[in-house]
Amino acid sequence: MSEKPATRAKAESQKSKQETEKIVVRLRALAHDLSNSLEAIMQASYLLGQAKLEGESKRWAQLLESSSEEAARINREIRKLLRSLSGE
């Protein structure tokens, strides 16, 4: 005797939800790890900004600061999206 189509569809839907949740959990872990790395980069960037840099060195420090801030903003958006997908 074969499964009813509605039962099969429900089982496939549940499996799909479970797979999606596994992906979300893994992506949240990666986003958390990225946050930790970005924190160290942003701290170093801040310290470089406090130094008396000139010329090219100052421009590189400013690029590091603005790029790390943008990466942190993107990471926050990713985490926000992942929270919404997991229903928090």
PDB file of N, CA and C in Angstrom:
ATOM      1  N   MET A   1       0.844  -1.171   0.000  1.00  0.00           N
ATOM      2  CA  MET A   1       0.000   0.000   0.000  1.00  0.00           C
ATOM      3  C   MET A   1       0.901   1.250   0.000  1.00  0.00           C
ATOM      4  N   SER A   2       0.634   2.217  -0.895  1.00  0.00           N
ATOM      5  CA  SER A   2       1.470   3.412  -0.994  1.00  0.00           C
ATOM      6  C   SER A   2       0.919   4.535  -0.114  1.00  0.00           C
ATOM      7  N   GLU A   3       1.822   5.506   0.140  1.00  0.00           N
ATOM      8  CA  GLU A   3       1.419   6.657   0.957  1.00  0.00           C
ATOM      9  C   GLU A   3       0.419   7.516   0.190  1.00  0.00           C
ATOM     10  N   LYS A   4      -0.415   8.175   0.925  1.00  0.00           N
ATOM     11  CA  LYS A   4      -1.338   9.127   0.318  1.00  0.00           C
ATOM     12  C   LYS A   4      -0.528  10.355  -0.096  1.00  0.00           C
ATOM     13  N   PRO A   5      -0.909  11.013  -1.201  1.00  0.00           N
ATOM     14  CA  PRO A   5      -0.172  12.190  -1.649  1.00  0.00           C
ATOM     15  C   PRO A   5      -0.074  13.288  -0.584  1.00  0.00           C
ATOM     16  N   ALA A   6      -1.137  13.503   0.181  1.00  0.00           N
ATOM     17  CA  ALA A   6      -1.114  14.541   1.217  1.00  0.00           C
ATOM     18  C   ALA A   6      -0.122  14.200   2.312  1.00  0.00           C
ATOM     19  N   THR A   7      -0.041  12.932   2.675  1.00  0.00           N
ATOM     20  CA  THR A   7       0.895  12.498   3.712  1.00  0.00           C
ATOM     21  C   THR A   7       2.327  12.654   3.216  1.00  0.00           C
ATOM     22  N   ARG A   8       2.547  12.272   1.963  1.00  0.00           N
ATOM     23  CA  ARG A   8       3.887  12.391   1.375  1.00  0.00           C
ATOM     24  C   ARG A   8       4.306  13.862   1.300  1.00  0.00           C
ATOM     25  N   ALA A   9       3.411  14.719   0.872  1.00  0.00           N
ATOM     26  CA  ALA A   9       3.705  16.152   0.769  1.00  0.00           C
ATOM     27  C   ALA A   9       4.019  16.744   2.130  1.00  0.00           C
ATOM     28  N   LYS A  10       3.280  16.321   3.141  1.00  0.00           N
ATOM     29  CA  LYS A  10       3.510  16.820   4.497  1.00  0.00           C
ATOM     30  C   LYS A  10       4.876  16.372   4.999  1.00  0.00           C
ATOM     31  N   ALA A  11       5.236  15.135   4.738  1.00  0.00           N
ATOM     32  CA  ALA A  11       6.540  14.604   5.164  1.00  0.00           C
ATOM     33  C   ALA A  11       7.672  15.330   4.441  1.00  0.00           C
ATOM     34  N   GLU A  12       7.496  15.581   3.151  1.00  0.00           N
ATOM     35  CA  GLU A  12       8.519  16.296   2.385  1.00  0.00           C
ATOM     36  C   GLU A  12       8.649  17.734   2.871  1.00  0.00           C
ATOM     37  N   SER A  13       7.529  18.351   3.207  1.00  0.00           N
ATOM     38  CA  SER A  13       7.553  19.710   3.727  1.00  0.00           C
ATOM     39  C   SER A  13       8.290  19.767   5.064  1.00  0.00           C
ATOM     40  N   GLN A  14       8.029  18.805   5.930  1.00  0.00           N
ATOM     41  CA  GLN A  14       8.695  18.746   7.232  1.00  0.00           C
ATOM     42  C   GLN A  14      10.197  18.531   7.052  1.00  0.00           C
ATOM     43  N   LYS A  15      10.570  17.659   6.128  1.00  0.00           N
ATOM     44  CA  LYS A  15      11.988  17.396   5.864  1.00  0.00           C
ATOM     45  C   LYS A  15      12.669  18.659   5.339  1.00  0.00           C
ATOM     46  N   SER A  16      11.989  19.378   4.457  1.00  0.00           N
ATOM     47  CA  SER A  16      12.526  20.622   3.911  1.00  0.00           C
ATOM     48  C   SER A  16      12.724  21.663   5.007  1.00  0.00           C
ATOM     49  N   LYS A  17      11.767  21.764   5.923  1.00  0.00           N
ATOM     50  CA  LYS A  17      11.888  22.704   7.041  1.00  0.00           C
ATOM     51  C   LYS A  17      13.069  22.345   7.935  1.00  0.00           C
ATOM     52  N   GLN A  18      13.263  21.056   8.183  1.00  0.00           N
ATOM     53  CA  GLN A  18      14.371  20.608   9.018  1.00  0.00           C
ATOM     54  C   GLN A  18      15.707  20.914   8.351  1.00  0.00           C
ATOM     55  N   GLU A  19      15.791  20.696   7.042  1.00  0.00           N
ATOM     56  CA  GLU A  19      17.019  20.996   6.313  1.00  0.00           C
ATOM     57  C   GLU A  19      17.308  22.490   6.326  1.00  0.00           C
ATOM     58  N   THR A  20      16.265  23.292   6.149  1.00  0.00           N
ATOM     59  CA  THR A  20      16.428  24.746   6.187  1.00  0.00           C
ATOM     60  C   THR A  20      16.920  25.184   7.561  1.00  0.00           C
ATOM     61  N   GLU A  21      16.357  24.622   8.616  1.00  0.00           N
ATOM     62  CA  GLU A  21      16.777  24.983   9.975  1.00  0.00           C
ATOM     63  C   GLU A  21      18.232  24.597  10.216  1.00  0.00           C
ATOM     64  N   LYS A  22      18.659  23.453   9.704  1.00  0.00           N
ATOM     65  CA  LYS A  22      20.071  23.051   9.842  1.00  0.00           C
ATOM     66  C   LYS A  22      20.989  24.052   9.160  1.00  0.00           C
ATOM     67  N   ILE A  23      20.582  24.495   7.983  1.00  0.00           N
ATOM     68  CA  ILE A  23      21.381  25.485   7.250  1.00  0.00           C
ATOM     69  C   ILE A  23      21.434  26.796   8.016  1.00  0.00           C
ATOM     70  N   VAL A  24      20.286  27.220   8.552  1.00  0.00           N
ATOM     71  CA  VAL A  24      20.230  28.467   9.319  1.00  0.00           C
ATOM     72  C   VAL A  24      21.134  28.381  10.544  1.00  0.00           C
ATOM     73  N   VAL A  25      21.094  27.264  11.236  1.00  0.00           N
ATOM     74  CA  VAL A  25      21.930  27.089  12.430  1.00  0.00           C
ATOM     75  C   VAL A  25      23.407  27.186  12.049  1.00  0.00           C
ATOM     76  N   ARG A  26      23.790  26.539  10.961  1.00  0.00           N
ATOM     77  CA  ARG A  26      25.198  26.578  10.524  1.00  0.00           C
ATOM     78  C   ARG A  26      25.597  27.993  10.113  1.00  0.00           C
ATOM     79  N   LEU A  27      24.729  28.676   9.379  1.00  0.00           N
ATOM     80  CA  LEU A  27      25.033  30.048   8.966  1.00  0.00           C
ATOM     81  C   LEU A  27      25.121  30.989  10.164  1.00  0.00           C
ATOM     82  N   ARG A  28      24.289  30.760  11.183  1.00  0.00           N
ATOM     83  CA  ARG A  28      24.374  31.592  12.388  1.00  0.00           C
ATOM     84  C   ARG A  28      25.707  31.382  13.096  1.00  0.00           C
ATOM     85  N   ALA A  29      26.183  30.145  13.129  1.00  0.00           N
ATOM     86  CA  ALA A  29      27.482  29.861  13.744  1.00  0.00           C
ATOM     87  C   ALA A  29      28.597  30.554  12.963  1.00  0.00           C
ATOM     88  N   LEU A  30      28.515  30.508  11.644  1.00  0.00           N
ATOM     89  CA  LEU A  30      29.528  31.182  10.826  1.00  0.00           C
ATOM     90  C   LEU A  30      29.474  32.698  11.009  1.00  0.00           C
ATOM     91  N   ALA A  31      28.276  33.256  11.073  1.00  0.00           N
ATOM     92  CA  ALA A  31      28.133  34.696  11.287  1.00  0.00           C
ATOM     93  C   ALA A  31      28.693  35.098  12.644  1.00  0.00           C
ATOM     94  N   HIS A  32      28.501  34.250  13.641  1.00  0.00           N
ATOM     95  CA  HIS A  32      29.056  34.516  14.975  1.00  0.00           C
ATOM     96  C   HIS A  32      30.586  34.510  14.917  1.00  0.00           C
ATOM     97  N   ASP A  33      31.153  33.520  14.258  1.00  0.00           N
ATOM     98  CA  ASP A  33      32.613  33.456  14.118  1.00  0.00           C
ATOM     99  C   ASP A  33      33.143  34.667  13.353  1.00  0.00           C
ATOM    100  N   LEU A  34      32.416  35.067  12.317  1.00  0.00           N
ATOM    101  CA  LEU A  34      32.809  36.251  11.559  1.00  0.00           C
ATOM    102  C   LEU A  34      32.770  37.491  12.449  1.00  0.00           C
ATOM    103  N   SER A  35      31.767  37.592  13.295  1.00  0.00           N
ATOM    104  CA  SER A  35      31.678  38.727  14.227  1.00  0.00           C
ATOM    105  C   SER A  35      32.903  38.794  15.131  1.00  0.00           C
ATOM    106  N   ASN A  36      33.336  37.643  15.609  1.00  0.00           N
ATOM    107  CA  ASN A  36      34.520  37.616  16.470  1.00  0.00           C
ATOM    108  C   ASN A  36      35.758  38.103  15.721  1.00  0.00           C
ATOM    109  N   SER A  37      35.932  37.654  14.497  1.00  0.00           N
ATOM    110  CA  SER A  37      37.077  38.094  13.698  1.00  0.00           C
ATOM    111  C   SER A  37      36.994  39.584  13.394  1.00  0.00           C
ATOM    112  N   LEU A  38      35.802  40.053  13.047  1.00  0.00           N
ATOM    113  CA  LEU A  38      35.625  41.476  12.749  1.00  0.00           C
ATOM    114  C   LEU A  38      35.897  42.350  13.963  1.00  0.00           C
ATOM    115  N   GLU A  39      35.545  41.857  15.133  1.00  0.00           N
ATOM    116  CA  GLU A  39      35.796  42.623  16.358  1.00  0.00           C
ATOM    117  C   GLU A  39      37.288  42.891  16.530  1.00  0.00           C
ATOM    118  N   ALA A  40      38.102  41.880  16.304  1.00  0.00           N
ATOM    119  CA  ALA A  40      39.556  42.057  16.421  1.00  0.00           C
ATOM    120  C   ALA A  40      40.074  43.033  15.365  1.00  0.00           C
ATOM    121  N   ILE A  41      39.554  42.916  14.151  1.00  0.00           N
ATOM    122  CA  ILE A  41      39.977  43.825  13.074  1.00  0.00           C
ATOM    123  C   ILE A  41      39.559  45.261  13.399  1.00  0.00           C
ATOM    124  N   MET A  42      38.352  45.428  13.913  1.00  0.00           N
ATOM    125  CA  MET A  42      37.875  46.773  14.242  1.00  0.00           C
ATOM    126  C   MET A  42      38.655  47.384  15.409  1.00  0.00           C
ATOM    127  N   GLN A  43      39.023  46.562  16.369  1.00  0.00           N
ATOM    128  CA  GLN A  43      39.842  47.060  17.478  1.00  0.00           C
ATOM    129  C   GLN A  43      41.214  47.498  16.983  1.00  0.00           C
ATOM    130  N   ALA A  44      41.825  46.694  16.117  1.00  0.00           N
ATOM    131  CA  ALA A  44      43.127  47.066  15.558  1.00  0.00           C
ATOM    132  C   ALA A  44      43.007  48.332  14.717  1.00  0.00           C
ATOM    133  N   SER A  45      41.918  48.430  13.971  1.00  0.00           N
ATOM    134  CA  SER A  45      41.675  49.611  13.156  1.00  0.00           C
ATOM    135  C   SER A  45      41.549  50.860  14.025  1.00  0.00           C
ATOM    136  N   TYR A  46      40.833  50.727  15.134  1.00  0.00           N
ATOM    137  CA  TYR A  46      40.685  51.854  16.057  1.00  0.00           C
ATOM    138  C   TYR A  46      42.050  52.289  16.604  1.00  0.00           C
ATOM    139  N   LEU A  47      42.832  51.317  17.010  1.00  0.00           N
ATOM    140  CA  LEU A  47      44.157  51.633  17.554  1.00  0.00           C
ATOM    141  C   LEU A  47      45.045  52.294  16.497  1.00  0.00           C
ATOM    142  N   LEU A  48      44.983  51.812  15.267  1.00  0.00           N
ATOM    143  CA  LEU A  48      45.742  52.461  14.192  1.00  0.00           C
ATOM    144  C   LEU A  48      45.268  53.894  13.984  1.00  0.00           C
ATOM    145  N   GLY A  49      43.976  54.107  14.109  1.00  0.00           N
ATOM    146  CA  GLY A  49      43.434  55.448  13.954  1.00  0.00           C
ATOM    147  C   GLY A  49      43.910  56.410  15.030  1.00  0.00           C
ATOM    148  N   GLN A  50      44.295  55.883  16.177  1.00  0.00           N
ATOM    149  CA  GLN A  50      44.805  56.719  17.270  1.00  0.00           C
ATOM    150  C   GLN A  50      46.273  57.075  17.082  1.00  0.00           C
ATOM    151  N   ALA A  51      46.962  56.337  16.226  1.00  0.00           N
ATOM    152  CA  ALA A  51      48.387  56.591  15.973  1.00  0.00           C
ATOM    153  C   ALA A  51      48.543  57.831  15.096  1.00  0.00           C
ATOM    154  N   LYS A  52      49.685  58.418  15.169  1.00  0.00           N
ATOM    155  CA  LYS A  52      49.998  59.613  14.370  1.00  0.00           C
ATOM    156  C   LYS A  52      50.517  59.170  13.001  1.00  0.00           C
ATOM    157  N   LEU A  53      49.599  58.718  12.165  1.00  0.00           N
ATOM    158  CA  LEU A  53      49.967  58.249  10.837  1.00  0.00           C
ATOM    159  C   LEU A  53      49.875  59.396   9.838  1.00  0.00           C
ATOM    160  N   GLU A  54      50.675  59.290   8.789  1.00  0.00           N
ATOM    161  CA  GLU A  54      50.655  60.307   7.743  1.00  0.00           C
ATOM    162  C   GLU A  54      50.620  59.659   6.374  1.00  0.00           C
ATOM    163  N   GLY A  55      50.150  60.415   5.418  1.00  0.00           N
ATOM    164  CA  GLY A  55      50.206  60.008   4.024  1.00  0.00           C
ATOM    165  C   GLY A  55      49.510  58.694   3.734  1.00  0.00           C
ATOM    166  N   GLU A  56      50.241  57.855   3.028  1.00  0.00           N
ATOM    167  CA  GLU A  56      49.705  56.574   2.575  1.00  0.00           C
ATOM    168  C   GLU A  56      49.277  55.686   3.744  1.00  0.00           C
ATOM    169  N   SER A  57      50.023  55.706   4.822  1.00  0.00           N
ATOM    170  CA  SER A  57      49.682  54.889   5.996  1.00  0.00           C
ATOM    171  C   SER A  57      48.328  55.297   6.568  1.00  0.00           C
ATOM    172  N   LYS A  58      48.091  56.602   6.612  1.00  0.00           N
ATOM    173  CA  LYS A  58      46.819  57.098   7.133  1.00  0.00           C
ATOM    174  C   LYS A  58      45.663  56.664   6.227  1.00  0.00           C
ATOM    175  N   ARG A  59      45.869  56.739   4.920  1.00  0.00           N
ATOM    176  CA  ARG A  59      44.822  56.324   3.981  1.00  0.00           C
ATOM    177  C   ARG A  59      44.523  54.827   4.123  1.00  0.00           C
ATOM    178  N   TRP A  60      45.551  54.006   4.306  1.00  0.00           N
ATOM    179  CA  TRP A  60      45.339  52.565   4.497  1.00  0.00           C
ATOM    180  C   TRP A  60      44.571  52.291   5.784  1.00  0.00           C
ATOM    181  N   ALA A  61      44.905  53.014   6.840  1.00  0.00           N
ATOM    182  CA  ALA A  61      44.200  52.844   8.114  1.00  0.00           C
ATOM    183  C   ALA A  61      42.727  53.240   7.975  1.00  0.00           C
ATOM    184  N   GLN A  62      42.461  54.318   7.227  1.00  0.00           N
ATOM    185  CA  GLN A  62      41.081  54.748   6.998  1.00  0.00           C
ATOM    186  C   GLN A  62      40.318  53.726   6.158  1.00  0.00           C
ATOM    187  N   LEU A  63      40.988  53.150   5.171  1.00  0.00           N
ATOM    188  CA  LEU A  63      40.357  52.114   4.355  1.00  0.00           C
ATOM    189  C   LEU A  63      40.024  50.891   5.205  1.00  0.00           C
ATOM    190  N   LEU A  64      40.943  50.521   6.067  1.00  0.00           N
ATOM    191  CA  LEU A  64      40.711  49.386   6.966  1.00  0.00           C
ATOM    192  C   LEU A  64      39.511  49.658   7.859  1.00  0.00           C
ATOM    193  N   GLU A  65      39.439  50.853   8.404  1.00  0.00           N
ATOM    194  CA  GLU A  65      38.321  51.199   9.289  1.00  0.00           C
ATOM    195  C   GLU A  65      36.985  51.183   8.554  1.00  0.00           C
ATOM    196  N   SER A  66      36.925  51.838   7.420  1.00  0.00           N
ATOM    197  CA  SER A  66      35.638  51.903   6.709  1.00  0.00           C
ATOM    198  C   SER A  66      35.228  50.523   6.180  1.00  0.00           C
ATOM    199  N   SER A  67      36.173  49.745   5.721  1.00  0.00           N
ATOM    200  CA  SER A  67      35.852  48.407   5.213  1.00  0.00           C
ATOM    201  C   SER A  67      35.402  47.471   6.328  1.00  0.00           C
ATOM    202  N   SER A  68      36.044  47.556   7.484  1.00  0.00           N
ATOM    203  CA  SER A  68      35.637  46.686   8.596  1.00  0.00           C
ATOM    204  C   SER A  68      34.264  47.089   9.124  1.00  0.00           C
ATOM    205  N   GLU A  69      33.969  48.382   9.130  1.00  0.00           N
ATOM    206  CA  GLU A  69      32.634  48.830   9.545  1.00  0.00           C
ATOM    207  C   GLU A  69      31.566  48.342   8.569  1.00  0.00           C
ATOM    208  N   GLU A  70      31.871  48.373   7.275  1.00  0.00           N
ATOM    209  CA  GLU A  70      30.922  47.897   6.277  1.00  0.00           C
ATOM    210  C   GLU A  70      30.721  46.383   6.405  1.00  0.00           C
ATOM    211  N   ALA A  71      31.792  45.644   6.642  1.00  0.00           N
ATOM    212  CA  ALA A  71      31.682  44.192   6.828  1.00  0.00           C
ATOM    213  C   ALA A  71      30.838  43.875   8.063  1.00  0.00           C
ATOM    214  N   ALA A  72      31.011  44.638   9.124  1.00  0.00           N
ATOM    215  CA  ALA A  72      30.215  44.437  10.339  1.00  0.00           C
ATOM    216  C   ALA A  72      28.739  44.735  10.069  1.00  0.00           C
ATOM    217  N   ARG A  73      28.455  45.774   9.286  1.00  0.00           N
ATOM    218  CA  ARG A  73      27.074  46.103   8.936  1.00  0.00           C
ATOM    219  C   ARG A  73      26.438  44.967   8.134  1.00  0.00           C
ATOM    220  N   ILE A  74      27.171  44.444   7.166  1.00  0.00           N
ATOM    221  CA  ILE A  74      26.665  43.335   6.359  1.00  0.00           C
ATOM    222  C   ILE A  74      26.414  42.120   7.238  1.00  0.00           C
ATOM    223  N   ASN A  75      27.325  41.841   8.146  1.00  0.00           N
ATOM    224  CA  ASN A  75      27.166  40.701   9.055  1.00  0.00           C
ATOM    225  C   ASN A  75      25.925  40.867   9.937  1.00  0.00           C
ATOM    226  N   ARG A  76      25.675  42.085  10.414  1.00  0.00           N
ATOM    227  CA  ARG A  76      24.459  42.332  11.206  1.00  0.00           C
ATOM    228  C   ARG A  76      23.207  42.056  10.377  1.00  0.00           C
ATOM    229  N   GLU A  77      23.219  42.450   9.119  1.00  0.00           N
ATOM    230  CA  GLU A  77      22.077  42.201   8.237  1.00  0.00           C
ATOM    231  C   GLU A  77      21.871  40.701   8.025  1.00  0.00           C
ATOM    232  N   ILE A  78      22.965  39.974   7.846  1.00  0.00           N
ATOM    233  CA  ILE A  78      22.870  38.521   7.675  1.00  0.00           C
ATOM    234  C   ILE A  78      22.274  37.890   8.921  1.00  0.00           C
ATOM    235  N   ARG A  79      22.747  38.309  10.087  1.00  0.00           N
ATOM    236  CA  ARG A  79      22.236  37.751  11.347  1.00  0.00           C
ATOM    237  C   ARG A  79      20.754  38.092  11.539  1.00  0.00           C
ATOM    238  N   LYS A  80      20.369  39.293  11.155  1.00  0.00           N
ATOM    239  CA  LYS A  80      18.963  39.695  11.245  1.00  0.00           C
ATOM    240  C   LYS A  80      18.108  38.805  10.342  1.00  0.00           C
ATOM    241  N   LEU A  81      18.560  38.575   9.127  1.00  0.00           N
ATOM    242  CA  LEU A  81      17.836  37.712   8.196  1.00  0.00           C
ATOM    243  C   LEU A  81      17.723  36.288   8.740  1.00  0.00           C
ATOM    244  N   LEU A  82      18.813  35.774   9.297  1.00  0.00           N
ATOM    245  CA  LEU A  82      18.805  34.415   9.842  1.00  0.00           C
ATOM    246  C   LEU A  82      17.846  34.299  11.037  1.00  0.00           C
ATOM    247  N   ARG A  83      17.790  35.341  11.874  1.00  0.00           N
ATOM    248  CA  ARG A  83      16.835  35.335  12.982  1.00  0.00           C
ATOM    249  C   ARG A  83      15.407  35.273  12.459  1.00  0.00           C
ATOM    250  N   SER A  84      15.141  36.020  11.421  1.00  0.00           N
ATOM    251  CA  SER A  84      13.781  36.025  10.865  1.00  0.00           C
ATOM    252  C   SER A  84      13.424  34.663  10.251  1.00  0.00           C
ATOM    253  N   LEU A  85      14.397  33.985   9.682  1.00  0.00           N
ATOM    254  CA  LEU A  85      14.150  32.673   9.092  1.00  0.00           C
ATOM    255  C   LEU A  85      13.894  31.610  10.167  1.00  0.00           C
ATOM    256  N   SER A  86      14.509  31.799  11.330  1.00  0.00           N
ATOM    257  CA  SER A  86      14.315  30.795  12.385  1.00  0.00           C
ATOM    258  C   SER A  86      13.162  31.178  13.319  1.00  0.00           C
ATOM    259  N   GLY A  87      12.464  32.255  13.009  1.00  0.00           N
ATOM    260  CA  GLY A  87      11.262  32.616  13.753  1.00  0.00           C
ATOM    261  C   GLY A  87      11.501  33.242  15.113  1.00  0.00           C
ATOM    262  N   GLU A  88      12.653  33.844  15.308  1.00  0.00           N
ATOM    263  CA  GLU A  88      12.935  34.490  16.608  1.00  0.00           C
ATOM    264  C   GLU A  88      12.377  35.885  16.645  1.00  0.00           C
TER     265      GLU A  88
END
